[in-house]
Amino acid sequence: MLSRIDRIQLAVPDAGAASRGWIDLLGAKPAGEDRIVGLAARRHRLRVGTGWVELLVPDGNGPVAEAVAARGAHLYAAGAATPDLAALATHLKGRGVLPLDEGGQLHLDMGDTGIEGLRVVVSEDEALPAAGDIDFFYEATLLSDDTKGVTRALNALFGLDERNYTEIVSDVFGYRGTLTLFEKDQLHRLEVIEPTTPGTTMDRYFRKFGQSLYMAFAETSDINLIQERAEAAGAGFTVDRPQDRPAHLPSDQLWLHPKSLGGMMLGLSRPSMAWAWSGNPDRVEAVA
């Protein structure tokens, strides 16, 4: 019942500070603000790629204020689109799940998802032109040491089809788990993974925060431009690039560190590159 990852939500104390990296590094466009009463938060919206970044700032006592007090600025909720929001609401109601319905979205907190550390905001799918310098979001990552249990819960909650899934193991970055691809030939998914190598950034994060949202991923046709902007701004980043690749050709991956984007890490991959670890490496286009 989910079609794509269309946005991310951050809980932040200061929307201006949090938005700066998204605008300066990724070309995001401010797109207004409103208030989500049920979250006691001001929602500051940015258009980027074919979706959105939503910055939630506490506006009184409530879930967002509690989240910011506990963790400061961080990735608050994964954002997914559905072709029929009303049908999804009916499906959830049949399971006894009645999430906050406000601002044209269903806001599922951890009590609604039944999954520790996972909040999901679901919106009606809409075709939007790409904005800024990423093409589209396609992944949000949940860290867990019960990847099978979480995956089963996601299947039931959102009516996902496990025949589309692919298992993922990374010896380089030290993790294993499942990519819950929403549709067979599309990259969009929740990634549910367990750190396997002690001492990595991911492992330290997991030990500090437990089962929780960790980062998101997007595809970009401008990966080198984004790296150049990050270098010029002194923003933290990590790049994955073959040593012998000519400078004018794109890197394979780039990670912008949390301080660069108002409190969350964003991975970026060149077009088609994500298929290398998403069950169909034959779809990766050669760099030339």
Protein backbone atom coordinates (compact mmCIF):
# COMPACT_ATOMS: atom_id res chain seq x y z
CA MET A 1 0.00 0.00 0.00
CA LEU A 2 3.09 2.23 -0.01
CA SER A 3 4.47 3.51 -3.30
CA ARG A 4 7.62 5.45 -2.45
CA ILE A 5 9.72 7.28 0.10
CA ASP A 6 8.61 10.85 -0.56
CA ARG A 7 9.91 12.83 2.42
CA ILE A 8 11.69 12.88 5.72
CA GLN A 9 10.80 14.66 8.94
CA LEU A 10 13.34 16.07 11.35
CA ALA A 11 12.62 17.23 14.88
CA VAL A 12 14.72 20.36 15.41
CA PRO A 13 14.95 23.25 17.87
CA ASP A 14 15.63 25.84 15.13
CA ALA A 15 14.23 25.50 11.60
CA GLY A 16 16.44 28.24 10.19
CA ALA A 17 19.64 26.57 11.31
CA ALA A 18 18.43 23.11 10.27
CA SER A 19 17.38 24.22 6.79
CA ARG A 20 20.65 25.95 5.92
CA GLY A 21 22.51 22.84 4.75
CA TRP A 22 19.56 21.54 2.77
CA ILE A 23 19.34 24.85 0.92
CA ASP A 24 23.05 25.59 0.50
CA LEU A 25 24.29 22.06 -0.29
CA LEU A 26 21.29 20.47 -1.99
CA GLY A 27 19.39 23.41 -3.45
CA ALA A 28 16.22 22.78 -1.44
CA LYS A 29 13.47 25.38 -1.83
CA PRO A 30 11.51 26.81 1.13
CA ALA A 31 7.83 25.94 0.64
CA GLY A 32 5.94 27.46 3.55
CA GLU A 33 5.02 26.50 7.07
CA ASP A 34 2.00 25.56 9.14
CA ARG A 35 1.20 23.94 12.48
CA ILE A 36 0.53 20.29 13.27
CA VAL A 37 -1.64 20.59 16.37
CA GLY A 38 -1.44 16.93 17.32
CA LEU A 39 2.36 17.11 17.39
CA ALA A 40 2.45 20.57 19.00
CA ALA A 41 4.89 21.61 16.30
CA ARG A 42 5.45 24.16 13.60
CA ARG A 43 6.09 22.38 10.29
CA HIS A 44 8.59 24.15 8.02
CA ARG A 45 8.57 22.58 4.56
CA LEU A 46 11.33 22.39 1.96
CA ARG A 47 10.94 21.03 -1.55
CA VAL A 48 13.83 18.88 -2.71
CA GLY A 49 13.97 16.14 -5.30
CA THR A 50 10.46 14.88 -6.06
CA GLY A 51 9.49 15.20 -2.42
CA TRP A 52 9.90 17.11 0.79
CA VAL A 53 11.92 17.75 3.90
CA GLU A 54 9.72 18.73 6.84
CA LEU A 55 11.32 20.40 9.84
CA LEU A 56 9.24 20.07 13.01
CA VAL A 57 9.91 22.70 15.66
CA PRO A 58 8.32 22.39 19.13
CA ASP A 59 5.38 24.76 19.61
CA GLY A 60 4.29 23.83 23.11
CA ASN A 61 4.40 20.61 25.08
CA GLY A 62 3.99 17.51 22.94
CA PRO A 63 5.73 14.68 21.07
CA VAL A 64 8.15 16.86 19.13
CA ALA A 65 9.19 18.85 22.19
CA GLU A 66 9.82 15.58 24.03
CA ALA A 67 11.87 14.23 21.11
CA VAL A 68 14.02 17.37 20.87
CA ALA A 69 14.53 17.45 24.63
CA ALA A 70 15.68 13.82 24.57
CA ARG A 71 17.92 13.88 21.51
CA GLY A 72 18.29 17.35 20.07
CA ALA A 73 17.91 17.66 16.29
CA HIS A 74 17.44 14.26 14.64
CA LEU A 75 15.57 12.21 12.06
CA TYR A 76 12.09 12.04 13.57
CA ALA A 77 9.99 10.12 11.03
CA ALA A 78 10.35 8.31 7.73
CA GLY A 79 8.00 9.67 5.09
CA ALA A 80 6.19 7.41 2.65
CA ALA A 81 3.55 8.00 -0.02
CA THR A 82 0.52 5.89 -0.82
CA PRO A 83 -1.68 6.01 -3.92
CA ASP A 84 -4.81 5.94 -1.72
CA LEU A 85 -4.51 7.51 1.73
CA ALA A 86 -8.15 6.79 2.61
CA ALA A 87 -7.73 3.10 1.77
CA LEU A 88 -4.60 2.92 3.93
CA ALA A 89 -6.45 4.59 6.81
CA THR A 90 -9.21 1.96 6.48
CA HIS A 91 -6.63 -0.83 6.45
CA LEU A 92 -4.98 0.55 9.56
CA LYS A 93 -8.32 0.98 11.32
CA GLY A 94 -9.05 -2.68 10.64
CA ARG A 95 -5.90 -3.47 12.56
CA GLY A 96 -6.95 -1.21 15.44
CA VAL A 97 -4.47 1.51 14.44
CA LEU A 98 -5.87 5.06 14.53
CA PRO A 99 -2.98 7.44 13.88
CA LEU A 100 -3.11 11.22 14.04
CA ASP A 101 -4.80 12.40 10.82
CA GLU A 102 -3.78 16.01 10.25
CA GLY A 103 -2.26 18.25 7.61
CA GLY A 104 -3.18 15.81 4.83
CA GLN A 105 -1.08 13.08 6.44
CA LEU A 106 -1.29 10.08 8.72
CA HIS A 107 1.28 10.49 11.50
CA LEU A 108 2.11 7.07 12.95
CA ASP A 109 4.03 7.19 16.20
CA MET A 110 5.72 4.20 17.80
CA GLY A 111 2.48 3.15 19.50
CA ASP A 112 0.83 3.03 16.07
CA THR A 113 3.61 1.21 14.23
CA GLY A 114 4.19 -1.16 17.14
CA ILE A 115 7.89 -0.88 16.30
CA GLU A 116 10.25 0.75 18.77
CA GLY A 117 12.08 3.68 17.24
CA LEU A 118 9.93 3.89 14.11
CA ARG A 119 7.64 6.79 13.30
CA VAL A 120 6.20 7.03 9.79
CA VAL A 121 4.33 9.92 8.18
CA VAL A 122 2.23 8.84 5.19
CA SER A 123 0.93 11.22 2.52
CA GLU A 124 -1.12 10.86 -0.65
CA ASP A 125 1.24 10.27 -3.56
CA GLU A 126 1.55 13.23 -5.89
CA ALA A 127 3.61 13.79 -9.01
CA LEU A 128 5.99 16.68 -8.39
CA PRO A 129 8.76 18.10 -10.55
CA ALA A 130 12.24 17.65 -9.12
CA ALA A 131 13.57 20.59 -7.12
CA GLY A 132 17.13 21.32 -6.14
CA ASP A 133 19.99 18.93 -6.75
CA ILE A 134 18.76 15.52 -5.67
CA ASP A 135 16.52 13.47 -7.93
CA PHE A 136 14.48 11.59 -5.32
CA PHE A 137 14.57 10.03 -1.87
CA TYR A 138 14.36 6.25 -1.89
CA GLU A 139 15.29 4.93 1.55
CA ALA A 140 15.00 5.46 5.28
CA THR A 141 17.04 3.23 7.59
CA LEU A 142 15.98 1.66 10.88
CA LEU A 143 18.65 0.02 13.05
CA SER A 144 17.49 -3.11 14.86
CA ASP A 145 18.79 -6.40 16.24
CA ASP A 146 15.43 -7.99 15.33
CA THR A 147 15.32 -7.37 11.60
CA LYS A 148 13.07 -10.37 10.90
CA GLY A 149 10.57 -9.33 13.56
CA VAL A 150 10.49 -5.73 12.36
CA THR A 151 10.04 -6.84 8.76
CA ARG A 152 7.09 -9.05 9.68
CA ALA A 153 5.50 -6.15 11.54
CA LEU A 154 5.97 -3.84 8.55
CA ASN A 155 4.40 -6.41 6.24
CA ALA A 156 1.24 -6.55 8.32
CA LEU A 157 1.08 -2.83 9.07
CA PHE A 158 1.41 -1.58 5.50
CA GLY A 159 0.44 -4.61 3.43
CA LEU A 160 3.93 -4.95 1.97
CA ASP A 161 4.88 -7.90 -0.24
CA GLU A 162 7.99 -9.71 0.95
CA ARG A 163 8.48 -11.22 -2.52
CA ASN A 164 9.85 -7.81 -3.52
CA TYR A 165 12.40 -7.74 -0.70
CA THR A 166 16.11 -8.32 -0.94
CA GLU A 167 18.58 -9.25 1.77
CA ILE A 168 21.60 -7.03 2.23
CA VAL A 169 25.00 -7.77 3.78
CA SER A 170 27.86 -5.29 3.87
CA ASP A 171 31.25 -6.43 5.07
CA VAL A 172 32.68 -2.99 4.24
CA PHE A 173 30.27 -1.07 6.50
CA GLY A 174 29.49 -3.92 8.89
CA TYR A 175 25.76 -4.62 8.77
CA ARG A 176 23.12 -7.05 7.51
CA GLY A 177 19.37 -6.96 7.12
CA THR A 178 16.49 -6.48 4.71
CA LEU A 179 15.42 -3.94 2.10
CA THR A 180 11.62 -3.88 2.08
CA LEU A 181 11.21 -2.74 -1.53
CA PHE A 182 7.64 -1.47 -1.93
CA GLU A 183 7.49 -2.45 -5.61
CA LYS A 184 9.54 -4.97 -7.54
CA ASP A 185 11.29 -2.66 -9.99
CA GLN A 186 11.58 0.46 -7.82
CA LEU A 187 14.23 1.37 -5.24
CA HIS A 188 11.85 2.80 -2.64
CA ARG A 189 12.00 0.97 0.69
CA LEU A 190 12.58 0.97 4.39
CA GLU A 191 15.96 -0.53 5.18
CA VAL A 192 16.00 -2.60 8.38
CA ILE A 193 19.55 -3.51 9.35
CA GLU A 194 21.67 -4.69 12.26
CA PRO A 195 25.24 -3.48 12.82
CA THR A 196 27.65 -6.44 12.81
CA THR A 197 31.07 -4.83 13.28
CA PRO A 198 31.86 -3.33 16.70
CA GLY A 199 33.17 0.21 16.77
CA THR A 200 31.74 1.50 13.48
CA THR A 201 29.79 4.78 13.41
CA MET A 202 26.61 2.77 12.90
CA ASP A 203 27.38 0.43 15.78
CA ARG A 204 28.15 3.31 18.15
CA TYR A 205 24.89 5.01 17.15
CA PHE A 206 22.95 1.81 17.77
CA ARG A 207 24.54 1.30 21.17
CA LYS A 208 23.69 4.87 22.15
CA PHE A 209 20.12 5.14 20.85
CA GLY A 210 18.97 1.53 20.48
CA GLN A 211 16.43 0.58 17.81
CA SER A 212 15.94 3.85 15.96
CA LEU A 213 15.90 5.68 12.66
CA TYR A 214 19.47 6.25 11.53
CA MET A 215 19.62 7.98 8.13
CA ALA A 216 18.03 8.34 4.70
CA PHE A 217 19.25 7.90 1.12
CA ALA A 218 18.59 9.78 -2.12
CA GLU A 219 19.66 9.52 -5.73
CA THR A 220 21.33 12.49 -7.41
CA SER A 221 22.62 13.33 -10.87
CA ASP A 222 24.80 16.06 -9.33
CA ILE A 223 26.91 14.14 -6.82
CA ASN A 224 30.16 15.91 -7.69
CA LEU A 225 28.53 19.35 -7.49
CA ILE A 226 27.21 18.53 -4.03
CA GLN A 227 30.66 17.37 -2.92
CA GLU A 228 32.19 20.60 -4.22
CA ARG A 229 29.67 22.65 -2.26
CA ALA A 230 30.34 20.62 0.89
CA GLU A 231 34.09 21.12 0.50
CA ALA A 232 33.67 24.86 -0.01
CA ALA A 233 31.39 25.14 3.03
CA GLY A 234 33.62 23.04 5.28
CA ALA A 235 30.71 20.63 5.75
CA GLY A 236 31.40 17.09 6.88
CA PHE A 237 31.09 14.36 4.27
CA THR A 238 32.44 10.95 3.23
CA VAL A 239 32.84 9.94 -0.40
CA ASP A 240 32.97 6.55 -2.14
CA ARG A 241 34.90 6.93 -5.37
CA PRO A 242 37.14 4.53 -7.31
CA GLN A 243 40.70 5.85 -7.18
CA ASP A 244 41.25 5.61 -10.93
CA ARG A 245 38.03 7.37 -11.96
CA PRO A 246 38.64 10.64 -13.88
CA ALA A 247 37.70 13.76 -11.95
CA HIS A 248 34.96 14.83 -14.36
CA LEU A 249 33.02 11.58 -13.81
CA PRO A 250 30.69 11.08 -10.84
CA SER A 251 31.53 9.39 -7.56
CA ASP A 252 29.45 6.35 -6.66
CA GLN A 253 28.25 7.50 -3.24
CA LEU A 254 28.49 10.44 -0.87
CA TRP A 255 27.37 10.77 2.74
CA LEU A 256 26.62 14.19 4.20
CA HIS A 257 27.23 14.10 7.95
CA PRO A 258 24.48 15.03 10.45
CA LYS A 259 25.92 18.45 11.33
CA SER A 260 25.81 19.34 7.63
CA LEU A 261 22.04 18.79 7.39
CA GLY A 262 20.57 19.96 10.64
CA GLY A 263 20.87 16.71 12.58
CA MET A 264 20.64 13.70 10.26
CA MET A 265 22.92 11.86 7.88
CA LEU A 266 21.93 11.64 4.22
CA GLY A 267 23.48 9.20 1.78
CA LEU A 268 23.56 10.06 -1.91
CA SER A 269 24.13 7.67 -4.80
CA ARG A 270 24.66 8.38 -8.48
CA PRO A 271 21.82 7.29 -10.82
CA SER A 272 21.23 3.51 -10.84
CA MET A 273 24.13 2.83 -8.42
CA ALA A 274 21.82 1.68 -5.62
CA TRP A 275 20.80 -1.38 -7.64
CA ALA A 276 24.28 -2.77 -6.88
CA TRP A 277 23.06 -3.68 -3.40
CA SER A 278 19.31 -3.76 -4.07
CA GLY A 279 18.95 -7.14 -5.74
CA ASN A 280 19.58 -6.21 -9.37
CA PRO A 281 23.22 -5.25 -10.00
CA ASP A 282 22.72 -5.68 -13.76
CA ARG A 283 20.74 -2.43 -13.68
CA VAL A 284 23.77 -0.36 -12.60
CA GLU A 285 24.81 1.88 -15.48
CA ALA A 286 28.50 2.08 -16.26
CA VAL A 287 30.30 5.37 -15.76
CA ALA A 288 31.66 6.71 -19.00
